[in-house]
Amino acid sequence: MSTHLRTRDLPSDPSEIAHFLSETVGLEDDEIATMTGVSKETASRWLHTEQTPRGGDALRAVVSVIQLLGEPATAGRARDFLRATNSALQHRSPIEALGAGDVEAVVAAAQGATAPAGTRG
């Protein structure tokens, strides 16, 4: 069973986003590290201490991508999208593409994921 997300209630603070991605979406520390360009140890500190993430822009981008996926917004749908390889991202996952700084490509892939089947490029 997947948790339903209210897109208007998604977090905006980097610390809250990191915890949301871990606790609600179900991403692993190494996945959060990859998408933000930090070590797994740093991502783990964000989640287990009061340290403020320095990867705030990347974390906010993930929230934007989740919002773009639209309704029904679920933790499972967000997790599956972020982990799955995507031909629009040169067969990388959005996690990997975000880590490489390809935010615009991930946004476009998320928009494509919500387009009706006949209109996808």
Protein backbone atom coordinates (compact mmCIF):
# COMPACT_ATOMS: atom_id res chain seq x y z
CA MET A 1 0.00 0.00 0.00
CA SER A 2 1.32 3.41 -0.92
CA THR A 3 0.90 6.63 1.00
CA HIS A 4 -1.19 9.29 -0.74
CA LEU A 5 0.53 12.64 -0.93
CA ARG A 6 -1.16 16.00 -0.90
CA THR A 7 1.01 17.94 -3.32
CA ARG A 8 0.13 21.26 -1.74
CA ASP A 9 1.47 19.94 1.58
CA LEU A 10 4.86 18.78 0.31
CA PRO A 11 7.79 20.14 2.34
CA SER A 12 9.92 23.07 1.17
CA ASP A 13 12.65 23.15 3.83
CA PRO A 14 15.70 21.05 2.80
CA SER A 15 15.81 19.19 6.14
CA GLU A 16 12.12 18.36 5.92
CA ILE A 17 12.50 17.29 2.28
CA ALA A 18 15.35 14.90 3.12
CA HIS A 19 13.27 13.31 5.90
CA PHE A 20 10.19 13.18 3.64
CA LEU A 21 12.15 11.40 0.88
CA SER A 22 13.49 8.89 3.37
CA GLU A 23 10.48 8.29 5.62
CA THR A 24 7.51 8.83 3.31
CA VAL A 25 8.77 8.13 -0.21
CA GLY A 26 11.10 5.36 0.97
CA LEU A 27 14.36 6.37 -0.66
CA GLU A 28 17.61 5.01 0.77
CA ASP A 29 20.39 7.23 2.12
CA ASP A 30 22.58 6.42 -0.90
CA GLU A 31 19.80 7.45 -3.30
CA ILE A 32 19.39 10.79 -1.53
CA ALA A 33 23.18 11.17 -1.62
CA THR A 34 23.32 10.44 -5.36
CA MET A 35 20.61 12.93 -6.29
CA THR A 36 22.19 15.69 -4.21
CA GLY A 37 25.82 15.01 -5.08
CA VAL A 38 27.01 14.26 -1.56
CA SER A 39 28.45 11.19 0.12
CA LYS A 40 26.17 8.60 1.68
CA GLU A 41 27.60 9.55 5.07
CA THR A 42 26.59 13.19 4.56
CA ALA A 43 23.06 12.22 3.52
CA SER A 44 22.86 9.95 6.56
CA ARG A 45 23.90 12.85 8.83
CA TRP A 46 21.10 14.96 7.34
CA LEU A 47 18.63 12.28 8.32
CA HIS A 48 19.97 11.36 11.74
CA THR A 49 21.25 14.66 13.14
CA GLU A 50 20.25 18.30 13.09
CA GLN A 51 22.64 19.07 10.21
CA THR A 52 21.01 21.21 7.51
CA PRO A 53 21.42 19.79 4.01
CA ARG A 54 23.57 21.83 1.66
CA GLY A 55 21.89 20.14 -1.29
CA GLY A 56 18.79 22.28 -0.90
CA ASP A 57 18.38 23.11 -4.59
CA ALA A 58 18.50 19.45 -5.60
CA LEU A 59 16.09 18.51 -2.81
CA ARG A 60 13.65 21.24 -3.85
CA ALA A 61 13.92 20.02 -7.45
CA VAL A 62 12.80 16.56 -6.33
CA VAL A 63 9.71 18.05 -4.69
CA SER A 64 8.96 19.94 -7.92
CA VAL A 65 9.26 16.72 -9.89
CA ILE A 66 6.87 14.95 -7.49
CA GLN A 67 4.41 17.81 -7.95
CA LEU A 68 4.69 17.49 -11.73
CA LEU A 69 3.75 13.82 -11.56
CA GLY A 70 0.31 15.09 -10.60
CA GLU A 71 -2.61 13.22 -9.15
CA PRO A 72 -2.98 10.67 -7.86
CA ALA A 73 0.17 11.51 -5.97
CA THR A 74 1.44 8.56 -4.00
CA ALA A 75 4.74 7.77 -2.34
CA GLY A 76 4.99 4.61 -4.44
CA ARG A 77 4.48 6.44 -7.72
CA ALA A 78 7.10 9.03 -6.77
CA ARG A 79 9.56 6.34 -5.64
CA ASP A 80 9.01 4.27 -8.80
CA PHE A 81 9.49 7.28 -11.07
CA LEU A 82 12.67 8.40 -9.28
CA ARG A 83 14.23 4.91 -9.36
CA ALA A 84 13.26 3.75 -12.87
CA THR A 85 15.55 4.23 -15.84
CA ASN A 86 14.04 6.56 -18.39
CA SER A 87 14.82 6.76 -22.11
CA ALA A 88 14.34 10.55 -21.98
CA LEU A 89 17.24 10.64 -19.49
CA GLN A 90 19.59 8.56 -21.63
CA HIS A 91 18.47 5.43 -19.78
CA ARG A 92 19.43 6.84 -16.39
CA SER A 93 17.11 7.11 -13.44
CA PRO A 94 15.91 10.55 -12.36
CA ILE A 95 18.00 10.03 -9.20
CA GLU A 96 21.13 9.65 -11.33
CA ALA A 97 20.18 12.52 -13.65
CA LEU A 98 19.53 14.87 -10.72
CA GLY A 99 22.92 13.94 -9.29
CA ALA A 100 24.50 14.88 -12.62
CA GLY A 101 22.75 18.26 -12.48
CA ASP A 102 20.27 17.48 -15.27
CA VAL A 103 17.30 19.02 -13.45
CA GLU A 104 15.60 20.34 -16.61
CA ALA A 105 15.76 16.90 -18.24
CA VAL A 106 14.18 15.29 -15.15
CA VAL A 107 11.45 17.95 -15.13
CA ALA A 108 10.75 17.23 -18.81
CA ALA A 109 10.65 13.48 -18.09
CA ALA A 110 8.17 14.06 -15.25
CA GLN A 111 6.00 16.17 -17.53
CA GLY A 112 6.16 13.40 -20.13
CA ALA A 113 5.12 10.85 -17.53
CA THR A 114 1.88 12.74 -17.00
CA ALA A 115 1.05 13.34 -20.66
CA PRO A 116 -1.71 11.20 -22.21
CA ALA A 117 -0.24 8.14 -23.96
CA GLY A 118 -0.95 9.46 -27.47
CA THR A 119 0.89 12.75 -26.85
CA ARG A 120 4.14 11.49 -25.35
CA GLY A 121 7.13 12.39 -27.42
